[in-house]
Amino acid sequence: MITIYHNTRCKKSREGLQKVEASGKEYKIREYLKDELSEEELKALLAKMNIAPIQLVRKNEKVWKENYKNKDLSDKELITVMAKNPKLIERPIVETEKEAVIGRPAEEIDKLL
């Protein structure tokens, strides 16, 4: 089963969803701004992507610039910040049972399909 962590208002996220839909594979959508991810879920996704938490942060978001940009946050603190501010999470994320990718550019999703 494929899960796409999706923001309906984001063009890149909609493009990612189209790619998943076109694959013909079974998938589910998780609108992570409404159904927020826990810290444990974020840790699991980061492990599947094999990236550091800072690589999942949207650094151009106002909340990041105003509250966190110049702070030296640990990985654990970054995960907490993203869990509390899901708008800071890069999108879309596409996940399978074994791995996950950030769908930017959308061609990254092809690696899972």
PDB file of N, CA and C in Angstrom:
ATOM      1  N   MET A   1       0.840  -1.187   0.000  1.00  0.00           N
ATOM      2  CA  MET A   1       0.000   0.000   0.000  1.00  0.00           C
ATOM      3  C   MET A   1       0.883   1.248   0.000  1.00  0.00           C
ATOM      4  N   ILE A   2       0.527   2.199  -0.837  1.00  0.00           N
ATOM      5  CA  ILE A   2       1.230   3.473  -0.931  1.00  0.00           C
ATOM      6  C   ILE A   2       0.438   4.507  -0.129  1.00  0.00           C
ATOM      7  N   THR A   3       1.157   5.322   0.613  1.00  0.00           N
ATOM      8  CA  THR A   3       0.538   6.450   1.309  1.00  0.00           C
ATOM      9  C   THR A   3       1.163   7.715   0.762  1.00  0.00           C
ATOM     10  N   ILE A   4       0.308   8.679   0.423  1.00  0.00           N
ATOM     11  CA  ILE A   4       0.824   9.988   0.030  1.00  0.00           C
ATOM     12  C   ILE A   4       0.381  10.984   1.092  1.00  0.00           C
ATOM     13  N   TYR A   5       1.371  11.674   1.656  1.00  0.00           N
ATOM     14  CA  TYR A   5       1.126  12.722   2.635  1.00  0.00           C
ATOM     15  C   TYR A   5       0.937  13.992   1.826  1.00  0.00           C
ATOM     16  N   HIS A   6      -0.289  14.488   1.828  1.00  0.00           N
ATOM     17  CA  HIS A   6      -0.740  15.426   0.816  1.00  0.00           C
ATOM     18  C   HIS A   6      -1.290  16.710   1.418  1.00  0.00           C
ATOM     19  N   ASN A   7      -1.025  17.816   0.724  1.00  0.00           N
ATOM     20  CA  ASN A   7      -1.613  19.117   1.036  1.00  0.00           C
ATOM     21  C   ASN A   7      -2.369  19.544  -0.215  1.00  0.00           C
ATOM     22  N   THR A   8      -3.679  19.581  -0.144  1.00  0.00           N
ATOM     23  CA  THR A   8      -4.515  19.866  -1.315  1.00  0.00           C
ATOM     24  C   THR A   8      -4.254  21.249  -1.908  1.00  0.00           C
ATOM     25  N   ARG A   9      -3.715  22.158  -1.125  1.00  0.00           N
ATOM     26  CA  ARG A   9      -3.480  23.520  -1.617  1.00  0.00           C
ATOM     27  C   ARG A   9      -2.127  23.682  -2.312  1.00  0.00           C
ATOM     28  N   CYS A  10      -1.318  22.641  -2.325  1.00  0.00           N
ATOM     29  CA  CYS A  10       0.037  22.718  -2.870  1.00  0.00           C
ATOM     30  C   CYS A  10       0.086  22.103  -4.274  1.00  0.00           C
ATOM     31  N   LYS A  11       0.559  22.879  -5.230  1.00  0.00           N
ATOM     32  CA  LYS A  11       0.657  22.411  -6.614  1.00  0.00           C
ATOM     33  C   LYS A  11       1.552  21.179  -6.729  1.00  0.00           C
ATOM     34  N   LYS A  12       2.705  21.202  -6.083  1.00  0.00           N
ATOM     35  CA  LYS A  12       3.642  20.062  -6.150  1.00  0.00           C
ATOM     36  C   LYS A  12       3.011  18.810  -5.541  1.00  0.00           C
ATOM     37  N   SER A  13       2.245  19.005  -4.493  1.00  0.00           N
ATOM     38  CA  SER A  13       1.584  17.874  -3.857  1.00  0.00           C
ATOM     39  C   SER A  13       0.504  17.299  -4.783  1.00  0.00           C
ATOM     40  N   ARG A  14      -0.227  18.164  -5.445  1.00  0.00           N
ATOM     41  CA  ARG A  14      -1.248  17.694  -6.409  1.00  0.00           C
ATOM     42  C   ARG A  14      -0.591  16.951  -7.571  1.00  0.00           C
ATOM     43  N   GLU A  15       0.552  17.443  -8.038  1.00  0.00           N
ATOM     44  CA  GLU A  15       1.294  16.757  -9.103  1.00  0.00           C
ATOM     45  C   GLU A  15       1.732  15.369  -8.643  1.00  0.00           C
ATOM     46  N   GLY A  16       2.194  15.286  -7.412  1.00  0.00           N
ATOM     47  CA  GLY A  16       2.602  14.000  -6.852  1.00  0.00           C
ATOM     48  C   GLY A  16       1.435  13.031  -6.777  1.00  0.00           C
ATOM     49  N   LEU A  17       0.281  13.531  -6.361  1.00  0.00           N
ATOM     50  CA  LEU A  17      -0.915  12.699  -6.281  1.00  0.00           C
ATOM     51  C   LEU A  17      -1.308  12.185  -7.658  1.00  0.00           C
ATOM     52  N   GLN A  18      -1.220  13.019  -8.672  1.00  0.00           N
ATOM     53  CA  GLN A  18      -1.532  12.587 -10.037  1.00  0.00           C
ATOM     54  C   GLN A  18      -0.607  11.449 -10.463  1.00  0.00           C
ATOM     55  N   LYS A  19       0.656  11.546 -10.115  1.00  0.00           N
ATOM     56  CA  LYS A  19       1.621  10.508 -10.462  1.00  0.00           C
ATOM     57  C   LYS A  19       1.259   9.187  -9.777  1.00  0.00           C
ATOM     58  N   VAL A  20       0.899   9.257  -8.506  1.00  0.00           N
ATOM     59  CA  VAL A  20       0.507   8.050  -7.771  1.00  0.00           C
ATOM     60  C   VAL A  20      -0.763   7.465  -8.370  1.00  0.00           C
ATOM     61  N   GLU A  21      -1.744   8.315  -8.666  1.00  0.00           N
ATOM     62  CA  GLU A  21      -3.001   7.844  -9.270  1.00  0.00           C
ATOM     63  C   GLU A  21      -2.744   7.171 -10.615  1.00  0.00           C
ATOM     64  N   ALA A  22      -1.877   7.768 -11.419  1.00  0.00           N
ATOM     65  CA  ALA A  22      -1.586   7.242 -12.754  1.00  0.00           C
ATOM     66  C   ALA A  22      -0.879   5.893 -12.708  1.00  0.00           C
ATOM     67  N   SER A  23      -0.244   5.581 -11.582  1.00  0.00           N
ATOM     68  CA  SER A  23       0.481   4.309 -11.462  1.00  0.00           C
ATOM     69  C   SER A  23      -0.480   3.122 -11.449  1.00  0.00           C
ATOM     70  N   GLY A  24      -1.741   3.370 -11.085  1.00  0.00           N
ATOM     71  CA  GLY A  24      -2.714   2.290 -10.999  1.00  0.00           C
ATOM     72  C   GLY A  24      -2.575   1.446  -9.740  1.00  0.00           C
ATOM     73  N   LYS A  25      -1.624   1.797  -8.892  1.00  0.00           N
ATOM     74  CA  LYS A  25      -1.414   1.043  -7.656  1.00  0.00           C
ATOM     75  C   LYS A  25      -2.357   1.538  -6.567  1.00  0.00           C
ATOM     76  N   GLU A  26      -2.606   0.662  -5.615  1.00  0.00           N
ATOM     77  CA  GLU A  26      -3.472   1.017  -4.504  1.00  0.00           C
ATOM     78  C   GLU A  26      -2.765   2.029  -3.604  1.00  0.00           C
ATOM     79  N   TYR A  27      -3.504   3.062  -3.204  1.00  0.00           N
ATOM     80  CA  TYR A  27      -2.916   4.097  -2.358  1.00  0.00           C
ATOM     81  C   TYR A  27      -3.972   4.692  -1.443  1.00  0.00           C
ATOM     82  N   LYS A  28      -3.461   5.391  -0.437  1.00  0.00           N
ATOM     83  CA  LYS A  28      -4.340   6.171   0.418  1.00  0.00           C
ATOM     84  C   LYS A  28      -3.721   7.549   0.589  1.00  0.00           C
ATOM     85  N   ILE A  29      -4.575   8.515   0.839  1.00  0.00           N
ATOM     86  CA  ILE A  29      -4.151   9.900   1.022  1.00  0.00           C
ATOM     87  C   ILE A  29      -4.238  10.245   2.503  1.00  0.00           C
ATOM     88  N   ARG A  30      -3.212  10.881   2.978  1.00  0.00           N
ATOM     89  CA  ARG A  30      -3.259  11.415   4.344  1.00  0.00           C
ATOM     90  C   ARG A  30      -3.029  12.916   4.260  1.00  0.00           C
ATOM     91  N   GLU A  31      -4.054  13.667   4.550  1.00  0.00           N
ATOM     92  CA  GLU A  31      -3.933  15.121   4.567  1.00  0.00           C
ATOM     93  C   GLU A  31      -3.324  15.510   5.908  1.00  0.00           C
ATOM     94  N   TYR A  32      -2.011  15.596   5.915  1.00  0.00           N
ATOM     95  CA  TYR A  32      -1.270  15.723   7.170  1.00  0.00           C
ATOM     96  C   TYR A  32      -1.475  17.056   7.882  1.00  0.00           C
ATOM     97  N   LEU A  33      -2.058  18.042   7.208  1.00  0.00           N
ATOM     98  CA  LEU A  33      -2.366  19.286   7.914  1.00  0.00           C
ATOM     99  C   LEU A  33      -3.610  19.120   8.787  1.00  0.00           C
ATOM    100  N   LYS A  34      -4.497  18.216   8.385  1.00  0.00           N
ATOM    101  CA  LYS A  34      -5.714  17.925   9.161  1.00  0.00           C
ATOM    102  C   LYS A  34      -5.469  16.759  10.114  1.00  0.00           C
ATOM    103  N   ASP A  35      -4.793  15.745   9.620  1.00  0.00           N
ATOM    104  CA  ASP A  35      -4.487  14.535  10.392  1.00  0.00           C
ATOM    105  C   ASP A  35      -2.982  14.549  10.652  1.00  0.00           C
ATOM    106  N   GLU A  36      -2.589  15.297  11.667  1.00  0.00           N
ATOM    107  CA  GLU A  36      -1.172  15.576  11.908  1.00  0.00           C
ATOM    108  C   GLU A  36      -0.372  14.327  12.251  1.00  0.00           C
ATOM    109  N   LEU A  37       0.900  14.368  11.889  1.00  0.00           N
ATOM    110  CA  LEU A  37       1.804  13.261  12.175  1.00  0.00           C
ATOM    111  C   LEU A  37       2.356  13.394  13.590  1.00  0.00           C
ATOM    112  N   SER A  38       2.482  12.276  14.255  1.00  0.00           N
ATOM    113  CA  SER A  38       3.106  12.266  15.576  1.00  0.00           C
ATOM    114  C   SER A  38       4.622  12.315  15.413  1.00  0.00           C
ATOM    115  N   GLU A  39       5.311  12.550  16.498  1.00  0.00           N
ATOM    116  CA  GLU A  39       6.773  12.531  16.460  1.00  0.00           C
ATOM    117  C   GLU A  39       7.269  11.146  16.055  1.00  0.00           C
ATOM    118  N   GLU A  40       6.623  10.103  16.534  1.00  0.00           N
ATOM    119  CA  GLU A  40       7.023   8.734  16.181  1.00  0.00           C
ATOM    120  C   GLU A  40       6.833   8.475  14.678  1.00  0.00           C
ATOM    121  N   GLU A  41       5.722   8.956  14.127  1.00  0.00           N
ATOM    122  CA  GLU A  41       5.488   8.787  12.685  1.00  0.00           C
ATOM    123  C   GLU A  41       6.529   9.543  11.877  1.00  0.00           C
ATOM    124  N   LEU A  42       6.873  10.736  12.308  1.00  0.00           N
ATOM    125  CA  LEU A  42       7.913  11.498  11.610  1.00  0.00           C
ATOM    126  C   LEU A  42       9.253  10.781  11.672  1.00  0.00           C
ATOM    127  N   LYS A  43       9.607  10.245  12.830  1.00  0.00           N
ATOM    128  CA  LYS A  43      10.861   9.486  12.957  1.00  0.00           C
ATOM    129  C   LYS A  43      10.879   8.311  12.002  1.00  0.00           C
ATOM    130  N   ALA A  44       9.770   7.603  11.905  1.00  0.00           N
ATOM    131  CA  ALA A  44       9.696   6.440  11.012  1.00  0.00           C
ATOM    132  C   ALA A  44       9.838   6.860   9.552  1.00  0.00           C
ATOM    133  N   LEU A  45       9.191   7.948   9.170  1.00  0.00           N
ATOM    134  CA  LEU A  45       9.320   8.445   7.796  1.00  0.00           C
ATOM    135  C   LEU A  45      10.751   8.874   7.497  1.00  0.00           C
ATOM    136  N   LEU A  46      11.359   9.590   8.415  1.00  0.00           N
ATOM    137  CA  LEU A  46      12.746  10.024   8.222  1.00  0.00           C
ATOM    138  C   LEU A  46      13.672   8.823   8.053  1.00  0.00           C
ATOM    139  N   ALA A  47      13.449   7.775   8.820  1.00  0.00           N
ATOM    140  CA  ALA A  47      14.267   6.563   8.706  1.00  0.00           C
ATOM    141  C   ALA A  47      14.071   5.925   7.333  1.00  0.00           C
ATOM    142  N   LYS A  48      12.831   5.878   6.853  1.00  0.00           N
ATOM    143  CA  LYS A  48      12.568   5.293   5.529  1.00  0.00           C
ATOM    144  C   LYS A  48      13.193   6.124   4.414  1.00  0.00           C
ATOM    145  N   MET A  49      13.266   7.445   4.614  1.00  0.00           N
ATOM    146  CA  MET A  49      13.856   8.327   3.611  1.00  0.00           C
ATOM    147  C   MET A  49      15.364   8.403   3.752  1.00  0.00           C
ATOM    148  N   ASN A  50      15.869   7.989   4.924  1.00  0.00           N
ATOM    149  CA  ASN A  50      17.294   8.051   5.215  1.00  0.00           C
ATOM    150  C   ASN A  50      17.829   9.478   5.094  1.00  0.00           C
ATOM    151  N   ILE A  51      17.089  10.411   5.711  1.00  0.00           N
ATOM    152  CA  ILE A  51      17.510  11.812   5.709  1.00  0.00           C
ATOM    153  C   ILE A  51      17.469  12.361   7.132  1.00  0.00           C
ATOM    154  N   ALA A  52      18.152  13.466   7.319  1.00  0.00           N
ATOM    155  CA  ALA A  52      18.134  14.162   8.610  1.00  0.00           C
ATOM    156  C   ALA A  52      16.864  15.007   8.697  1.00  0.00           C
ATOM    157  N   PRO A  53      16.356  15.240   9.890  1.00  0.00           N
ATOM    158  CA  PRO A  53      15.134  16.035  10.038  1.00  0.00           C
ATOM    159  C   PRO A  53      15.180  17.399   9.346  1.00  0.00           C
ATOM    160  N   ILE A  54      16.315  18.076   9.384  1.00  0.00           N
ATOM    161  CA  ILE A  54      16.411  19.399   8.764  1.00  0.00           C
ATOM    162  C   ILE A  54      16.109  19.339   7.265  1.00  0.00           C
ATOM    163  N   GLN A  55      16.347  18.194   6.626  1.00  0.00           N
ATOM    164  CA  GLN A  55      16.090  18.046   5.198  1.00  0.00           C
ATOM    165  C   GLN A  55      14.595  17.954   4.881  1.00  0.00           C
ATOM    166  N   LEU A  56      13.776  17.762   5.884  1.00  0.00           N
ATOM    167  CA  LEU A  56      12.332  17.669   5.702  1.00  0.00           C
ATOM    168  C   LEU A  56      11.633  18.994   6.008  1.00  0.00           C
ATOM    169  N   VAL A  57      12.389  19.973   6.475  1.00  0.00           N
ATOM    170  CA  VAL A  57      11.821  21.259   6.879  1.00  0.00           C
ATOM    171  C   VAL A  57      11.698  22.206   5.685  1.00  0.00           C
ATOM    172  N   ARG A  58      10.521  22.824   5.575  1.00  0.00           N
ATOM    173  CA  ARG A  58      10.289  23.885   4.582  1.00  0.00           C
ATOM    174  C   ARG A  58      10.801  25.190   5.188  1.00  0.00           C
ATOM    175  N   LYS A  59      11.993  25.584   4.771  1.00  0.00           N
ATOM    176  CA  LYS A  59      12.671  26.707   5.406  1.00  0.00           C
ATOM    177  C   LYS A  59      12.181  28.079   4.952  1.00  0.00           C
ATOM    178  N   ASN A  60      11.339  28.128   3.945  1.00  0.00           N
ATOM    179  CA  ASN A  60      10.804  29.414   3.489  1.00  0.00           C
ATOM    180  C   ASN A  60       9.471  29.771   4.129  1.00  0.00           C
ATOM    181  N   GLU A  61       8.965  28.881   4.967  1.00  0.00           N
ATOM    182  CA  GLU A  61       7.697  29.163   5.653  1.00  0.00           C
ATOM    183  C   GLU A  61       7.905  30.264   6.704  1.00  0.00           C
ATOM    184  N   LYS A  62       6.902  31.118   6.815  1.00  0.00           N
ATOM    185  CA  LYS A  62       6.956  32.242   7.762  1.00  0.00           C
ATOM    186  C   LYS A  62       7.231  31.772   9.188  1.00  0.00           C
ATOM    187  N   VAL A  63       6.553  30.714   9.613  1.00  0.00           N
ATOM    188  CA  VAL A  63       6.728  30.215  10.984  1.00  0.00           C
ATOM    189  C   VAL A  63       8.176  29.781  11.238  1.00  0.00           C
ATOM    190  N   TRP A  64       8.836  29.231  10.228  1.00  0.00           N
ATOM    191  CA  TRP A  64      10.251  28.839  10.372  1.00  0.00           C
ATOM    192  C   TRP A  64      11.124  30.080  10.512  1.00  0.00           C
ATOM    193  N   LYS A  65      10.935  31.020   9.588  1.00  0.00           N
ATOM    194  CA  LYS A  65      11.767  32.215   9.582  1.00  0.00           C
ATOM    195  C   LYS A  65      11.622  33.028  10.862  1.00  0.00           C
ATOM    196  N   GLU A  66      10.400  33.108  11.370  1.00  0.00           N
ATOM    197  CA  GLU A  66      10.152  33.943  12.547  1.00  0.00           C
ATOM    198  C   GLU A  66      10.520  33.277  13.871  1.00  0.00           C
ATOM    199  N   ASN A  67      10.475  31.936  13.917  1.00  0.00           N
ATOM    200  CA  ASN A  67      10.630  31.265  15.208  1.00  0.00           C
ATOM    201  C   ASN A  67      11.837  30.330  15.339  1.00  0.00           C
ATOM    202  N   TYR A  68      12.349  29.826  14.222  1.00  0.00           N
ATOM    203  CA  TYR A  68      13.339  28.750  14.338  1.00  0.00           C
ATOM    204  C   TYR A  68      14.602  28.938  13.508  1.00  0.00           C
ATOM    205  N   LYS A  69      14.568  29.790  12.516  1.00  0.00           N
ATOM    206  CA  LYS A  69      15.649  29.896  11.533  1.00  0.00           C
ATOM    207  C   LYS A  69      17.040  30.011  12.149  1.00  0.00           C
ATOM    208  N   ASN A  70      17.203  30.839  13.124  1.00  0.00           N
ATOM    209  CA  ASN A  70      18.536  31.100  13.670  1.00  0.00           C
ATOM    210  C   ASN A  70      18.830  30.320  14.946  1.00  0.00           C
ATOM    211  N   LYS A  71      18.031  29.289  15.201  1.00  0.00           N
ATOM    212  CA  LYS A  71      18.259  28.472  16.398  1.00  0.00           C
ATOM    213  C   LYS A  71      19.009  27.206  16.024  1.00  0.00           C
ATOM    214  N   ASP A  72      19.831  26.740  16.927  1.00  0.00           N
ATOM    215  CA  ASP A  72      20.578  25.506  16.729  1.00  0.00           C
ATOM    216  C   ASP A  72      19.772  24.372  17.379  1.00  0.00           C
ATOM    217  N   LEU A  73      18.883  23.770  16.595  1.00  0.00           N
ATOM    218  CA  LEU A  73      17.979  22.745  17.117  1.00  0.00           C
ATOM    219  C   LEU A  73      18.533  21.343  16.876  1.00  0.00           C
ATOM    220  N   SER A  74      18.357  20.493  17.852  1.00  0.00           N
ATOM    221  CA  SER A  74      18.757  19.089  17.706  1.00  0.00           C
ATOM    222  C   SER A  74      17.755  18.387  16.785  1.00  0.00           C
ATOM    223  N   ASP A  75      18.105  17.185  16.331  1.00  0.00           N
ATOM    224  CA  ASP A  75      17.184  16.404  15.497  1.00  0.00           C
ATOM    225  C   ASP A  75      15.868  16.168  16.226  1.00  0.00           C
ATOM    226  N   LYS A  76      15.960  15.843  17.494  1.00  0.00           N
ATOM    227  CA  LYS A  76      14.749  15.601  18.295  1.00  0.00           C
ATOM    228  C   LYS A  76      13.883  16.863  18.358  1.00  0.00           C
ATOM    229  N   GLU A  77      14.513  18.007  18.569  1.00  0.00           N
ATOM    230  CA  GLU A  77      13.774  19.269  18.618  1.00  0.00           C
ATOM    231  C   GLU A  77      13.133  19.598  17.272  1.00  0.00           C
ATOM    232  N   LEU A  78      13.839  19.319  16.184  1.00  0.00           N
ATOM    233  CA  LEU A  78      13.278  19.564  14.846  1.00  0.00           C
ATOM    234  C   LEU A  78      12.041  18.702  14.600  1.00  0.00           C
ATOM    235  N   ILE A  79      12.092  17.464  15.035  1.00  0.00           N
ATOM    236  CA  ILE A  79      10.948  16.564  14.882  1.00  0.00           C
ATOM    237  C   ILE A  79       9.761  17.099  15.679  1.00  0.00           C
ATOM    238  N   THR A  80      10.022  17.567  16.881  1.00  0.00           N
ATOM    239  CA  THR A  80       8.965  18.155  17.714  1.00  0.00           C
ATOM    240  C   THR A  80       8.367  19.386  17.033  1.00  0.00           C
ATOM    241  N   VAL A  81       9.216  20.236  16.488  1.00  0.00           N
ATOM    242  CA  VAL A  81       8.761  21.446  15.793  1.00  0.00           C
ATOM    243  C   VAL A  81       7.867  21.074  14.612  1.00  0.00           C
ATOM    244  N   MET A  82       8.270  20.081  13.815  1.00  0.00           N
ATOM    245  CA  MET A  82       7.461  19.673  12.661  1.00  0.00           C
ATOM    246  C   MET A  82       6.137  19.051  13.094  1.00  0.00           C
ATOM    247  N   ALA A  83       6.152  18.283  14.167  1.00  0.00           N
ATOM    248  CA  ALA A  83       4.915  17.674  14.664  1.00  0.00           C
ATOM    249  C   ALA A  83       3.933  18.755  15.121  1.00  0.00           C
ATOM    250  N   LYS A  84       4.448  19.812  15.726  1.00  0.00           N
ATOM    251  CA  LYS A  84       3.595  20.897  16.207  1.00  0.00           C
ATOM    252  C   LYS A  84       3.209  21.875  15.102  1.00  0.00           C
ATOM    253  N   ASN A  85       4.009  21.922  14.033  1.00  0.00           N
ATOM    254  CA  ASN A  85       3.792  22.847  12.918  1.00  0.00           C
ATOM    255  C   ASN A  85       3.860  22.075  11.600  1.00  0.00           C
ATOM    256  N   PRO A  86       2.852  21.279  11.289  1.00  0.00           N
ATOM    257  CA  PRO A  86       2.931  20.415  10.105  1.00  0.00           C
ATOM    258  C   PRO A  86       3.120  21.169   8.788  1.00  0.00           C
ATOM    259  N   LYS A  87       2.814  22.452   8.780  1.00  0.00           N
ATOM    260  CA  LYS A  87       3.032  23.258   7.584  1.00  0.00           C
ATOM    261  C   LYS A  87       4.518  23.285   7.203  1.00  0.00           C
ATOM    262  N   LEU A  88       5.388  22.999   8.168  1.00  0.00           N
ATOM    263  CA  LEU A  88       6.836  23.024   7.928  1.00  0.00           C
ATOM    264  C   LEU A  88       7.348  21.767   7.234  1.00  0.00           C
ATOM    265  N   ILE A  89       6.510  20.754   7.078  1.00  0.00           N
ATOM    266  CA  ILE A  89       6.944  19.489   6.489  1.00  0.00           C
ATOM    267  C   ILE A  89       6.896  19.576   4.967  1.00  0.00           C
ATOM    268  N   GLU A  90       8.018  19.232   4.330  1.00  0.00           N
ATOM    269  CA  GLU A  90       8.064  19.186   2.867  1.00  0.00           C
ATOM    270  C   GLU A  90       6.962  18.282   2.342  1.00  0.00           C
ATOM    271  N   ARG A  91       6.504  18.580   1.146  1.00  0.00           N
ATOM    272  CA  ARG A  91       5.424  17.804   0.555  1.00  0.00           C
ATOM    273  C   ARG A  91       5.586  17.711  -0.942  1.00  0.00           C
ATOM    274  N   PRO A  92       5.007  16.713  -1.523  1.00  0.00           N
ATOM    275  CA  PRO A  92       4.364  15.563  -0.892  1.00  0.00           C
ATOM    276  C   PRO A  92       5.414  14.543  -0.447  1.00  0.00           C
ATOM    277  N   ILE A  93       5.034  13.703   0.474  1.00  0.00           N
ATOM    278  CA  ILE A  93       5.843  12.543   0.835  1.00  0.00           C
ATOM    279  C   ILE A  93       5.066  11.327   0.368  1.00  0.00           C
ATOM    280  N   VAL A  94       5.759  10.437  -0.312  1.00  0.00           N
ATOM    281  CA  VAL A  94       5.133   9.198  -0.758  1.00  0.00           C
ATOM    282  C   VAL A  94       5.861   8.053  -0.069  1.00  0.00           C
ATOM    283  N   GLU A  95       5.062   7.173   0.536  1.00  0.00           N
ATOM    284  CA  GLU A  95       5.618   6.105   1.365  1.00  0.00           C
ATOM    285  C   GLU A  95       5.085   4.744   0.928  1.00  0.00           C
ATOM    286  N   THR A  96       5.985   3.769   0.924  1.00  0.00           N
ATOM    287  CA  THR A  96       5.606   2.374   0.762  1.00  0.00           C
ATOM    288  C   THR A  96       5.963   1.664   2.066  1.00  0.00           C
ATOM    289  N   GLU A  97       5.773   0.375   2.085  1.00  0.00           N
ATOM    290  CA  GLU A  97       6.087  -0.380   3.295  1.00  0.00           C
ATOM    291  C   GLU A  97       7.560  -0.259   3.691  1.00  0.00           C
ATOM    292  N   LYS A  98       8.448  -0.157   2.697  1.00  0.00           N
ATOM    293  CA  LYS A  98       9.882  -0.202   2.980  1.00  0.00           C
ATOM    294  C   LYS A  98      10.622   1.118   2.845  1.00  0.00           C
ATOM    295  N   GLU A  99      10.074   2.047   2.044  1.00  0.00           N
ATOM    296  CA  GLU A  99      10.805   3.293   1.837  1.00  0.00           C
ATOM    297  C   GLU A  99       9.850   4.458   1.600  1.00  0.00           C
ATOM    298  N   ALA A 100      10.424   5.652   1.575  1.00  0.00           N
ATOM    299  CA  ALA A 100       9.644   6.865   1.354  1.00  0.00           C
ATOM    300  C   ALA A 100      10.530   7.896   0.663  1.00  0.00           C
ATOM    301  N   VAL A 101       9.882   8.816  -0.068  1.00  0.00           N
ATOM    302  CA  VAL A 101      10.604   9.900  -0.740  1.00  0.00           C
ATOM    303  C   VAL A 101       9.793  11.186  -0.628  1.00  0.00           C
ATOM    304  N   ILE A 102      10.512  12.296  -0.707  1.00  0.00           N
ATOM    305  CA  ILE A 102       9.868  13.592  -0.880  1.00  0.00           C
ATOM    306  C   ILE A 102       9.667  13.743  -2.380  1.00  0.00           C
ATOM    307  N   GLY A 103       8.455  14.019  -2.799  1.00  0.00           N
ATOM    308  CA  GLY A 103       8.141  14.098  -4.230  1.00  0.00           C
ATOM    309  C   GLY A 103       8.497  15.418  -4.861  1.00  0.00           C
ATOM    310  N   ARG A 104       9.688  15.897  -4.627  1.00  0.00           N
ATOM    311  CA  ARG A 104      10.195  17.132  -5.230  1.00  0.00           C
ATOM    312  C   ARG A 104      11.568  16.856  -5.800  1.00  0.00           C
ATOM    313  N   PRO A 105      11.728  16.853  -7.071  1.00  0.00           N
ATOM    314  CA  PRO A 105      10.693  16.959  -8.094  1.00  0.00           C
ATOM    315  C   PRO A 105       9.822  15.701  -8.129  1.00  0.00           C
ATOM    316  N   ALA A 106       8.714  15.781  -8.843  1.00  0.00           N
ATOM    317  CA  ALA A 106       7.737  14.685  -8.883  1.00  0.00           C
ATOM    318  C   ALA A 106       8.363  13.374  -9.381  1.00  0.00           C
ATOM    319  N   GLU A 107       9.424  13.480 -10.167  1.00  0.00           N
ATOM    320  CA  GLU A 107      10.092  12.266 -10.679  1.00  0.00           C
ATOM    321  C   GLU A 107      10.669  11.400  -9.561  1.00  0.00           C
ATOM    322  N   GLU A 108      10.903  11.996  -8.404  1.00  0.00           N
ATOM    323  CA  GLU A 108      11.387  11.194  -7.271  1.00  0.00           C
ATOM    324  C   GLU A 108      10.403  10.097  -6.911  1.00  0.00           C
ATOM    325  N   ILE A 109       9.130  10.354  -7.141  1.00  0.00           N
ATOM    326  CA  ILE A 109       8.085   9.374  -6.812  1.00  0.00           C
ATOM    327  C   ILE A 109       8.216   8.121  -7.676  1.00  0.00           C
ATOM    328  N   ASP A 110       8.725   8.282  -8.896  1.00  0.00           N
ATOM    329  CA  ASP A 110       8.904   7.137  -9.795  1.00  0.00           C
ATOM    330  C   ASP A 110       9.774   6.056  -9.173  1.00  0.00           C
ATOM    331  N   LYS A 111      10.688   6.442  -8.303  1.00  0.00           N
ATOM    332  CA  LYS A 111      11.585   5.473  -7.661  1.00  0.00           C
ATOM    333  C   LYS A 111      10.798   4.460  -6.817  1.00  0.00           C
ATOM    334  N   LEU A 112       9.630   4.863  -6.329  1.00  0.00           N
ATOM    335  CA  LEU A 112       8.819   3.967  -5.486  1.00  0.00           C
ATOM    336  C   LEU A 112       7.772   3.217  -6.290  1.00  0.00           C
ATOM    337  N   LEU A 113       7.427   3.723  -7.443  1.00  0.00           N
ATOM    338  CA  LEU A 113       6.348   3.128  -8.223  1.00  0.00           C
ATOM    339  C   LEU A 113       6.890   2.103  -9.185  1.00  0.00           C
TER     340      LEU A 113
END
